[in-house]
């Protein structure tokens, strides 16, 4: 996955949360933020797939594993 560095300002509460989480995990705030952004992108991709399929559509275990692999979650 290609990563581009940019500068963003966070809401003060979000920045505090990020600092607490980084301290708890003993990692940099930057790495924790990258992880949170990656997870949000995965969740967004999953939701898009579910929205496209609609309700009541059977999904095979093979397809689920394939999507998880593509998303980097498996």
Protein backbone atom coordinates (compact mmCIF):
# COMPACT_ATOMS: atom_id res chain seq x y z
CA UNK A 1 0.00 0.00 0.00
CA UNK A 2 1.40 3.37 -0.98
CA UNK A 3 1.47 5.95 1.78
CA UNK A 4 1.67 9.67 1.14
CA UNK A 5 2.73 11.97 3.93
CA UNK A 6 0.50 14.94 4.56
CA UNK A 7 -0.15 17.19 7.49
CA UNK A 8 -3.58 17.31 9.10
CA UNK A 9 -4.94 19.11 12.13
CA UNK A 10 -6.93 16.98 14.52
CA UNK A 11 -9.75 17.97 16.78
CA UNK A 12 -8.21 18.42 20.28
CA UNK A 13 -10.19 15.48 21.67
CA UNK A 14 -9.06 13.27 18.78
CA UNK A 15 -5.45 14.32 19.35
CA UNK A 16 -5.75 13.50 23.07
CA UNK A 17 -7.23 10.08 22.25
CA UNK A 18 -4.45 9.43 19.76
CA UNK A 19 -1.77 10.35 22.30
CA UNK A 20 -3.33 8.13 25.01
CA UNK A 21 -3.60 5.19 22.63
CA UNK A 22 -0.03 5.66 21.39
CA UNK A 23 1.27 5.78 24.95
CA UNK A 24 -0.72 2.68 25.92
CA UNK A 25 0.56 0.75 22.88
CA UNK A 26 4.08 2.20 23.26
CA UNK A 27 4.09 3.33 19.65
CA UNK A 28 4.29 6.65 17.86
CA UNK A 29 1.14 8.68 17.37
CA UNK A 30 1.84 8.62 13.64
CA UNK A 31 1.84 4.82 13.47
CA UNK A 32 -1.34 4.60 15.54
CA UNK A 33 -3.04 7.15 13.28
CA UNK A 34 -1.98 5.21 10.18
CA UNK A 35 -3.42 2.04 11.69
CA UNK A 36 -6.72 3.78 12.48
CA UNK A 37 -6.96 5.19 8.96
CA UNK A 38 -6.22 1.79 7.42
CA UNK A 39 -8.89 0.13 9.57
CA UNK A 40 -11.43 2.81 8.60
CA UNK A 41 -10.66 2.19 4.92
CA UNK A 42 -11.16 -1.56 5.40
CA UNK A 43 -14.50 -1.00 7.10
CA UNK A 44 -15.57 1.37 4.33
CA UNK A 45 -14.64 -1.21 1.69
CA UNK A 46 -16.55 -3.93 3.52
CA UNK A 47 -19.61 -1.72 3.80
CA UNK A 48 -19.49 -0.90 0.08
CA UNK A 49 -19.41 -4.61 -0.78
CA UNK A 50 -22.36 -5.28 1.52
CA UNK A 51 -24.29 -2.34 0.05
CA UNK A 52 -23.68 -3.63 -3.49
CA UNK A 53 -24.77 -7.16 -2.66
CA UNK A 54 -27.95 -6.19 -0.84
CA UNK A 55 -29.90 -8.17 1.76
CA UNK A 56 -30.39 -11.90 1.57
CA UNK A 57 -27.52 -12.65 -0.81
CA UNK A 58 -25.50 -15.74 0.06
CA UNK A 59 -21.75 -15.16 0.24
CA UNK A 60 -19.48 -18.18 0.08
CA UNK A 61 -16.69 -18.63 2.64
CA UNK A 62 -14.22 -18.61 -0.25
CA UNK A 63 -15.41 -15.14 -1.35
CA UNK A 64 -15.22 -13.79 2.20
CA UNK A 65 -11.67 -15.08 2.64
CA UNK A 66 -10.68 -13.67 -0.74
CA UNK A 67 -12.02 -10.21 0.16
CA UNK A 68 -10.37 -10.28 3.57
CA UNK A 69 -7.07 -11.17 1.94
CA UNK A 70 -7.41 -8.29 -0.53
CA UNK A 71 -8.21 -5.94 2.35
CA UNK A 72 -5.20 -7.20 4.29
CA UNK A 73 -7.34 -8.46 7.15
CA UNK A 74 -6.61 -12.17 6.81
